[in-house]
Amino acid sequence: MAESAIPYRHYEPSLLEPVYPQRTRHLEDLAVLLTSKAGQLTRGLHPIVLRSLGAWLYRT
């Protein structure tokens, strides 16, 4: 078996904390913009595609 070019290192999950960025007005504005753009994108899709996506997203 070939040796990996990048050695594996074990990381403790606690080193990832805090995972969330600081809440700022700028990030909130970007989140609203992202939601708006996503809505615009879905309005341009064909109804059959939308139904297929809905079935895929909400399957049980």
C-alpha atoms as a PDB file:
ATOM      1  CA  MET A   1       0.000   0.000   0.000  1.00  0.00           C
ATOM      2  CA  ALA A   2       1.359   3.458  -0.925  1.00  0.00           C
ATOM      3  CA  GLU A   3       2.146   5.874   1.821  1.00  0.00           C
ATOM      4  CA  SER A   4      -0.016   8.995   2.008  1.00  0.00           C
ATOM      5  CA  ALA A   5       1.626  12.269   0.954  1.00  0.00           C
ATOM      6  CA  ILE A   6      -0.091  14.043   3.851  1.00  0.00           C
ATOM      7  CA  PRO A   7       0.259  12.337   7.230  1.00  0.00           C
ATOM      8  CA  TYR A   8      -2.950  11.732   9.153  1.00  0.00           C
ATOM      9  CA  ARG A   9      -3.324  13.734  12.318  1.00  0.00           C
ATOM     10  CA  HIS A  10      -5.943  13.099  14.961  1.00  0.00           C
ATOM     11  CA  TYR A  11      -7.820  16.234  15.981  1.00  0.00           C
ATOM     12  CA  GLU A  12     -10.016  16.585  18.999  1.00  0.00           C
ATOM     13  CA  PRO A  13     -13.508  17.959  18.213  1.00  0.00           C
ATOM     14  CA  SER A  14     -13.108  20.447  21.056  1.00  0.00           C
ATOM     15  CA  LEU A  15     -10.400  22.187  19.004  1.00  0.00           C
ATOM     16  CA  LEU A  16     -13.127  23.261  16.566  1.00  0.00           C
ATOM     17  CA  GLU A  17     -14.997  25.288  19.158  1.00  0.00           C
ATOM     18  CA  PRO A  18     -16.394  27.842  18.755  1.00  0.00           C
ATOM     19  CA  VAL A  19     -17.735  26.616  15.428  1.00  0.00           C
ATOM     20  CA  TYR A  20     -20.097  29.508  14.832  1.00  0.00           C
ATOM     21  CA  PRO A  21     -18.855  32.879  13.593  1.00  0.00           C
ATOM     22  CA  GLN A  22     -19.626  35.950  15.622  1.00  0.00           C
ATOM     23  CA  ARG A  23     -23.123  37.182  14.834  1.00  0.00           C
ATOM     24  CA  THR A  24     -22.948  40.498  13.018  1.00  0.00           C
ATOM     25  CA  ARG A  25     -25.344  42.655  11.057  1.00  0.00           C
ATOM     26  CA  HIS A  26     -23.286  41.987   7.909  1.00  0.00           C
ATOM     27  CA  LEU A  27     -23.726  38.190   8.228  1.00  0.00           C
ATOM     28  CA  GLU A  28     -27.440  38.615   8.863  1.00  0.00           C
ATOM     29  CA  ASP A  29     -27.741  40.758   5.729  1.00  0.00           C
ATOM     30  CA  LEU A  30     -25.871  38.098   3.722  1.00  0.00           C
ATOM     31  CA  ALA A  31     -28.209  35.396   5.035  1.00  0.00           C
ATOM     32  CA  VAL A  32     -31.252  37.410   3.935  1.00  0.00           C
ATOM     33  CA  LEU A  33     -29.675  37.996   0.518  1.00  0.00           C
ATOM     34  CA  LEU A  34     -28.897  34.280   0.135  1.00  0.00           C
ATOM     35  CA  THR A  35     -32.486  33.362   0.967  1.00  0.00           C
ATOM     36  CA  SER A  36     -33.786  35.905  -1.530  1.00  0.00           C
ATOM     37  CA  LYS A  37     -31.476  34.680  -4.308  1.00  0.00           C
ATOM     38  CA  ALA A  38     -32.443  31.063  -3.628  1.00  0.00           C
ATOM     39  CA  GLY A  39     -36.104  32.022  -3.992  1.00  0.00           C
ATOM     40  CA  GLN A  40     -35.381  33.774  -7.288  1.00  0.00           C
ATOM     41  CA  LEU A  41     -33.575  30.681  -8.537  1.00  0.00           C
ATOM     42  CA  THR A  42     -36.488  28.346  -7.806  1.00  0.00           C
ATOM     43  CA  ARG A  43     -38.970  30.684  -9.519  1.00  0.00           C
ATOM     44  CA  GLY A  44     -37.103  30.117 -12.789  1.00  0.00           C
ATOM     45  CA  LEU A  45     -37.338  26.330 -12.659  1.00  0.00           C
ATOM     46  CA  HIS A  46     -39.788  24.292 -14.710  1.00  0.00           C
ATOM     47  CA  PRO A  47     -42.739  22.962 -12.643  1.00  0.00           C
ATOM     48  CA  ILE A  48     -41.731  19.339 -13.301  1.00  0.00           C
ATOM     49  CA  VAL A  49     -38.257  20.032 -11.917  1.00  0.00           C
ATOM     50  CA  LEU A  50     -39.756  21.731  -8.872  1.00  0.00           C
ATOM     51  CA  ARG A  51     -42.018  18.744  -8.188  1.00  0.00           C
ATOM     52  CA  SER A  52     -39.058  16.385  -8.515  1.00  0.00           C
ATOM     53  CA  LEU A  53     -36.971  18.473  -6.136  1.00  0.00           C
ATOM     54  CA  GLY A  54     -39.850  18.667  -3.677  1.00  0.00           C
ATOM     55  CA  ALA A  55     -40.298  14.908  -3.777  1.00  0.00           C
ATOM     56  CA  TRP A  56     -36.572  14.430  -3.202  1.00  0.00           C
ATOM     57  CA  LEU A  57     -36.334  16.975  -0.384  1.00  0.00           C
ATOM     58  CA  TYR A  58     -39.410  15.825   1.505  1.00  0.00           C
ATOM     59  CA  ARG A  59     -39.178  12.057   1.065  1.00  0.00           C
ATOM     60  CA  THR A  60     -39.731  10.076   4.215  1.00  0.00           C
END
